[in-house]
Amino acid sequence: MIAIEAKGLTKKFGNFTAVDNLNLTVEAGVAFGLLGPNGAGKTTTIRMITGLIKPTAGYVRVYGHDVMTEREKVIKNIGYMPQKFGLYEDLTVEENLMLFGRLYGLNKGEVQQRSNELMEFLDLKIFRSRLAGKLSGGTKQRLSLAVALIHDPLLLILDEPTAGVDPPIRRQFWEIFRDLNRRGKTILITTHYMDEAENCDKLALMSAGRIIAEGSPSDVKRRAFGGDIVEIVLSRPANLDIQGVKIIDADGGRMKLLVDDYSTRVSQIIAKLGPDLRDIRPVHVSLEEAFIKLMGGS
């Protein structure tokens, strides 16, 4: 099943093109990361997917429903957590949850039960009677997430949910996101923290309103460098004439190789080198390195 389908999605503000002919498919049940620096077009894309702004061209469907023409059906399927805290600061945690639950059509009993479940899940019970405006930054973010989940949507859209919070809190949020994903929620998350994106099943890297790479984290890295980077240590020089394997650096018996696919070539390398091979290991490449490489060639 397809959770999000966007075709030819374009948004112009005057002469400025914020999103340029974007095609995006997000399968149901995955954690999908939309990555890129500030100004890449991530938030504009999110706002078109949620129906907050109208595309200049193209269309978006959420679980088969057109965002612009079937708005009520789309809203029922989406939970949206925006970048900036947008809840009522003069209402308590529980009052915000009750209010938004009723706005989504839950009856009083349903919204009370759902509020209690979410306050338990997100450690908000001790703050239930505290005004939202008096919460810390991280707790405000947890409340925003709870409100996004109040109607139990199929799709959770998170726009820079960990921006501005400390690294330990960022890790806590990602534990929550992974838990939600295991519970069957489809998650579309935007971030400019490349280390966070390693947690996603699939990624799309954006630059200047366009997608420049897409796939799993390992697929994106492989595309950036033309394959996997592998380090080997040899006891003596040896012939390394293997299809799909290229030496990119050598220092005595230590070599770095560019391998089209490490998982399929590792056994061939080991068999070819035999007892001359002392060590073989993949070299970790960060998504940030991959993104910089791809940006240079885009």
Protein backbone atom coordinates (compact mmCIF):
# COMPACT_ATOMS: atom_id res chain seq x y z
CA MET A 1 0.00 0.00 0.00
CA ILE A 2 1.18 3.53 -0.80
CA ALA A 3 0.86 6.08 2.01
CA ILE A 4 2.01 9.14 0.03
CA GLU A 5 2.16 9.62 -3.71
CA ALA A 6 3.34 12.98 -5.07
CA LYS A 7 3.74 13.60 -8.79
CA GLY A 8 5.21 16.70 -10.44
CA LEU A 9 4.85 18.60 -7.17
CA THR A 10 5.86 22.22 -7.68
CA LYS A 11 5.51 25.34 -5.56
CA LYS A 12 6.46 28.81 -6.70
CA PHE A 13 6.40 32.01 -4.66
CA GLY A 14 6.56 34.72 -7.29
CA ASN A 15 9.72 34.08 -9.30
CA PHE A 16 11.17 31.76 -6.66
CA THR A 17 10.67 28.01 -7.05
CA ALA A 18 10.69 26.40 -3.60
CA VAL A 19 9.82 22.89 -4.80
CA ASP A 20 10.63 21.89 -8.37
CA ASN A 21 8.75 19.03 -10.08
CA LEU A 22 9.13 16.65 -7.14
CA ASN A 23 8.08 12.99 -7.39
CA LEU A 24 7.83 11.08 -4.12
CA THR A 25 6.42 7.70 -3.09
CA VAL A 26 6.25 6.61 0.54
CA GLU A 27 5.14 3.06 1.23
CA ALA A 28 2.87 2.36 4.17
CA GLY A 29 4.60 1.20 7.34
CA VAL A 30 8.04 2.71 6.71
CA ALA A 31 10.00 5.47 8.40
CA PHE A 32 10.86 7.83 5.57
CA GLY A 33 13.32 10.69 6.01
CA LEU A 34 13.20 13.85 3.92
CA LEU A 35 16.65 15.38 4.33
CA GLY A 36 18.42 18.53 3.31
CA PRO A 37 19.81 21.83 4.54
CA ASN A 38 17.62 24.75 5.56
CA GLY A 39 15.99 26.19 2.46
CA ALA A 40 16.03 22.91 0.53
CA GLY A 41 12.21 22.86 0.27
CA LYS A 42 11.43 20.24 2.91
CA THR A 43 8.86 22.24 4.89
CA THR A 44 7.15 23.51 1.73
CA THR A 45 6.84 19.91 0.55
CA ILE A 46 5.36 18.88 3.90
CA ARG A 47 2.85 21.71 3.80
CA MET A 48 1.67 20.62 0.36
CA ILE A 49 1.36 17.00 1.50
CA THR A 50 -0.76 18.07 4.47
CA GLY A 51 -2.85 20.40 2.30
CA LEU A 52 -1.83 23.56 4.17
CA ILE A 53 -0.72 25.18 0.93
CA LYS A 54 -1.81 24.52 -2.64
CA PRO A 55 0.73 23.28 -5.19
CA THR A 56 1.49 25.47 -8.19
CA ALA A 57 1.54 22.24 -10.20
CA GLY A 58 1.29 18.50 -9.59
CA TYR A 59 -0.73 16.57 -7.04
CA VAL A 60 -0.47 14.63 -3.77
CA ARG A 61 -2.48 11.62 -2.65
CA VAL A 62 -2.50 10.23 0.90
CA TYR A 63 -3.65 6.62 1.10
CA GLY A 64 -5.26 7.12 -2.31
CA HIS A 65 -7.13 10.32 -1.41
CA ASP A 66 -6.37 13.57 -3.22
CA VAL A 67 -5.14 16.14 -0.70
CA MET A 68 -6.93 19.09 -2.29
CA THR A 69 -10.27 17.50 -3.28
CA GLU A 70 -10.76 14.93 -0.48
CA ARG A 71 -9.56 17.04 2.42
CA GLU A 72 -11.70 15.48 5.18
CA LYS A 73 -10.55 11.93 4.37
CA VAL A 74 -6.92 13.03 4.25
CA ILE A 75 -7.11 14.85 7.61
CA LYS A 76 -8.35 11.67 9.32
CA ASN A 77 -5.28 9.80 8.10
CA ILE A 78 -2.62 12.42 8.99
CA GLY A 79 -1.10 13.47 12.28
CA TYR A 80 1.06 16.56 11.78
CA MET A 81 3.71 17.91 14.12
CA PRO A 82 4.98 21.29 12.82
CA GLN A 83 8.40 22.83 13.39
CA LYS A 84 7.14 25.49 15.76
CA PHE A 85 5.00 24.91 18.82
CA GLY A 86 1.48 25.85 17.77
CA LEU A 87 -0.75 24.72 20.64
CA TYR A 88 -2.68 26.85 23.11
CA GLU A 89 -0.22 28.01 25.76
CA ASP A 90 -3.00 29.19 28.09
CA LEU A 91 -4.52 25.68 28.20
CA THR A 92 -3.13 22.79 30.21
CA VAL A 93 -1.60 19.67 28.66
CA GLU A 94 -4.80 17.72 29.18
CA GLU A 95 -7.02 20.56 27.94
CA ASN A 96 -5.03 20.78 24.68
CA LEU A 97 -5.40 17.05 24.13
CA MET A 98 -9.12 17.13 24.91
CA LEU A 99 -9.69 20.12 22.63
CA PHE A 100 -7.92 18.68 19.60
CA GLY A 101 -9.45 15.26 20.15
CA ARG A 102 -12.94 16.76 19.99
CA LEU A 103 -11.97 18.78 16.89
CA TYR A 104 -11.00 15.50 15.22
CA GLY A 105 -14.45 14.11 16.00
CA LEU A 106 -13.77 11.90 19.02
CA ASN A 107 -16.55 11.81 21.61
CA LYS A 108 -15.83 12.77 25.22
CA GLY A 109 -15.20 9.22 26.40
CA GLU A 110 -12.93 8.39 23.44
CA VAL A 111 -10.84 11.51 23.76
CA GLN A 112 -10.43 11.06 27.53
CA GLN A 113 -9.23 7.48 27.05
CA ARG A 114 -6.92 8.46 24.20
CA SER A 115 -5.51 11.41 26.19
CA ASN A 116 -4.72 9.15 29.13
CA GLU A 117 -3.02 6.61 26.85
CA LEU A 118 -0.86 9.25 25.20
CA MET A 119 0.08 10.98 28.44
CA GLU A 120 1.21 7.59 29.74
CA PHE A 121 3.09 6.71 26.54
CA LEU A 122 4.88 10.08 26.30
CA ASP A 123 5.51 10.64 30.04
CA LEU A 124 3.17 13.61 30.25
CA LYS A 125 0.99 12.49 33.17
CA ILE A 126 2.86 14.60 35.74
CA PHE A 127 2.29 17.66 33.52
CA ARG A 128 -1.40 17.06 32.78
CA SER A 129 -2.53 20.13 34.77
CA ARG A 130 0.36 22.40 33.78
CA LEU A 131 -0.19 25.21 31.28
CA ALA A 132 1.43 24.41 27.93
CA GLY A 133 3.20 27.77 27.96
CA LYS A 134 5.01 26.79 31.18
CA LEU A 135 6.52 23.58 29.75
CA SER A 136 10.18 23.11 28.80
CA GLY A 137 11.09 22.90 25.12
CA GLY A 138 11.39 19.12 25.08
CA THR A 139 8.09 18.66 26.94
CA LYS A 140 6.34 21.02 24.53
CA GLN A 141 7.57 18.80 21.69
CA ARG A 142 6.17 15.71 23.43
CA LEU A 143 2.83 17.47 23.82
CA SER A 144 2.87 18.42 20.12
CA LEU A 145 3.49 14.78 19.28
CA ALA A 146 0.66 13.66 21.56
CA VAL A 147 -1.75 16.06 19.83
CA ALA A 148 -0.61 14.77 16.43
CA LEU A 149 -1.47 11.24 17.60
CA ILE A 150 -4.74 12.01 19.39
CA HIS A 151 -6.97 10.70 16.56
CA ASP A 152 -4.75 7.61 15.97
CA PRO A 153 -3.75 8.50 12.38
CA LEU A 154 -2.17 6.07 9.93
CA LEU A 155 0.45 8.60 8.83
CA LEU A 156 2.56 10.74 11.14
CA ILE A 157 4.27 13.75 9.55
CA LEU A 158 7.02 15.31 11.65
CA ASP A 159 8.64 18.54 10.48
CA GLU A 160 12.06 19.01 12.13
CA PRO A 161 10.73 17.51 15.41
CA THR A 162 14.11 17.56 17.16
CA ALA A 163 15.36 20.95 15.99
CA GLY A 164 16.82 22.93 18.85
CA VAL A 165 16.66 20.19 21.48
CA ASP A 166 19.66 18.67 23.24
CA PRO A 167 21.23 15.44 21.90
CA PRO A 168 19.97 13.24 24.79
CA ILE A 169 16.40 14.44 24.16
CA ARG A 170 16.86 13.87 20.42
CA ARG A 171 17.76 10.25 21.16
CA GLN A 172 14.68 9.87 23.35
CA PHE A 173 12.46 11.19 20.56
CA TRP A 174 13.93 8.73 18.08
CA GLU A 175 13.23 5.88 20.48
CA ILE A 176 9.60 7.05 20.53
CA PHE A 177 9.50 7.33 16.72
CA ARG A 178 10.89 3.80 16.31
CA ASP A 179 8.31 2.51 18.79
CA LEU A 180 5.50 4.19 16.84
CA ASN A 181 6.85 2.74 13.60
CA ARG A 182 6.86 -0.75 15.15
CA ARG A 183 3.23 -0.17 16.13
CA GLY A 184 2.38 0.27 12.46
CA LYS A 185 2.56 4.04 11.96
CA THR A 186 3.95 5.33 8.69
CA ILE A 187 6.34 8.16 9.51
CA LEU A 188 7.51 10.96 7.23
CA ILE A 189 10.12 13.04 9.00
CA THR A 190 12.12 16.04 7.86
CA THR A 191 15.50 16.77 9.41
CA HIS A 192 18.81 18.41 8.65
CA TYR A 193 20.54 16.19 11.24
CA MET A 194 22.19 13.59 9.02
CA ASP A 195 23.07 11.29 11.93
CA GLU A 196 19.36 10.98 12.80
CA ALA A 197 18.51 9.91 9.27
CA GLU A 198 20.39 6.63 9.75
CA ASN A 199 17.29 5.52 11.71
CA CYS A 200 15.05 5.73 8.64
CA ASP A 201 14.14 2.85 6.33
CA LYS A 202 14.17 5.08 3.25
CA LEU A 203 15.52 8.56 2.53
CA ALA A 204 15.15 11.31 -0.01
CA LEU A 205 17.86 13.98 -0.10
CA MET A 206 16.64 17.42 -1.20
CA SER A 207 18.60 20.35 -2.55
CA ALA A 208 17.16 23.53 -4.09
CA GLY A 209 13.66 22.06 -4.22
CA ARG A 210 14.65 18.83 -5.95
CA ILE A 211 15.34 15.27 -4.85
CA ILE A 212 18.94 14.44 -5.70
CA ALA A 213 19.09 10.92 -4.23
CA GLU A 214 16.63 8.39 -2.84
CA GLY A 215 16.78 4.94 -1.26
CA SER A 216 17.88 3.26 1.94
CA PRO A 217 20.75 4.92 3.87
CA SER A 218 23.18 2.37 2.42
CA ASP A 219 21.77 2.91 -1.10
CA VAL A 220 22.29 6.66 -0.81
CA LYS A 221 25.88 6.25 0.39
CA ARG A 222 26.60 3.74 -2.38
CA ARG A 223 25.25 6.13 -4.98
CA ALA A 224 27.34 9.02 -3.63
CA PHE A 225 30.63 7.13 -3.80
CA GLY A 226 29.87 4.67 -6.58
CA GLY A 227 29.86 1.71 -4.21
CA ASP A 228 31.03 0.63 -0.76
CA ILE A 229 34.43 1.54 0.64
CA VAL A 230 36.36 -1.40 2.09
CA GLU A 231 39.70 -1.54 3.89
CA ILE A 232 41.93 -4.61 3.65
CA VAL A 233 45.29 -5.51 5.21
CA LEU A 234 47.62 -7.87 3.34
CA SER A 235 50.70 -9.74 4.53
CA ARG A 236 52.33 -9.14 1.12
CA PRO A 237 51.38 -7.55 -2.25
CA ALA A 238 48.78 -9.56 -4.12
CA ASN A 239 46.83 -9.45 -7.37
CA LEU A 240 43.36 -7.97 -6.90
CA ASP A 241 41.82 -8.34 -10.34
CA ILE A 242 38.15 -8.76 -9.38
CA GLN A 243 35.20 -7.37 -11.29
CA GLY A 244 33.48 -4.57 -9.36
CA VAL A 245 36.52 -3.91 -7.15
CA LYS A 246 38.86 -0.91 -7.56
CA ILE A 247 41.85 0.16 -5.47
CA ILE A 248 41.45 3.82 -4.45
CA ASP A 249 44.28 4.09 -1.92
CA ALA A 250 47.26 1.95 -0.96
CA ASP A 251 49.87 2.28 1.79
CA GLY A 252 52.07 -0.78 1.96
CA GLY A 253 49.90 -3.74 2.82
CA ARG A 254 46.92 -1.58 3.74
CA MET A 255 44.50 -0.76 0.94
CA LYS A 256 41.17 1.02 0.49
CA LEU A 257 38.89 -0.44 -2.14
CA LEU A 258 35.79 0.82 -3.89
CA VAL A 259 33.45 -2.16 -4.19
CA ASP A 260 30.19 -2.03 -6.14
CA ASP A 261 28.44 -4.09 -3.41
CA TYR A 262 30.33 -5.29 -0.36
CA SER A 263 27.78 -7.96 0.58
CA THR A 264 28.20 -9.73 -2.77
CA ARG A 265 31.96 -9.15 -3.28
CA VAL A 266 33.36 -9.91 0.18
CA SER A 267 33.44 -13.69 -0.38
CA GLN A 268 35.17 -13.21 -3.74
CA ILE A 269 37.82 -10.95 -2.19
CA ILE A 270 38.49 -13.44 0.61
CA ALA A 271 38.72 -16.36 -1.84
CA LYS A 272 41.00 -14.43 -4.20
CA LEU A 273 43.48 -13.26 -1.54
CA GLY A 274 43.46 -16.38 0.61
CA PRO A 275 46.06 -16.51 3.41
CA ASP A 276 47.58 -13.17 2.29
CA LEU A 277 44.48 -11.42 3.67
CA ARG A 278 44.93 -10.45 7.31
CA ASP A 279 41.87 -8.24 7.74
CA ILE A 280 38.88 -6.94 5.77
CA ARG A 281 36.27 -4.51 6.95
CA PRO A 282 33.80 -1.99 5.46
CA VAL A 283 34.68 1.66 6.08
CA HIS A 284 31.87 3.61 7.70
CA VAL A 285 30.70 6.51 5.53
CA SER A 286 28.38 9.06 7.12
CA LEU A 287 25.28 10.37 5.41
CA GLU A 288 26.76 13.84 5.79
CA GLU A 289 29.76 12.80 3.70
CA ALA A 290 27.42 11.24 1.13
CA PHE A 291 25.24 14.35 1.02
CA ILE A 292 28.22 16.66 0.51
CA LYS A 293 29.47 14.37 -2.27
CA LEU A 294 26.07 14.34 -3.96
CA MET A 295 25.67 18.10 -3.58
CA GLY A 296 28.98 18.57 -5.37
CA GLY A 297 27.74 16.57 -8.32
CA SER A 298 24.17 17.85 -8.47
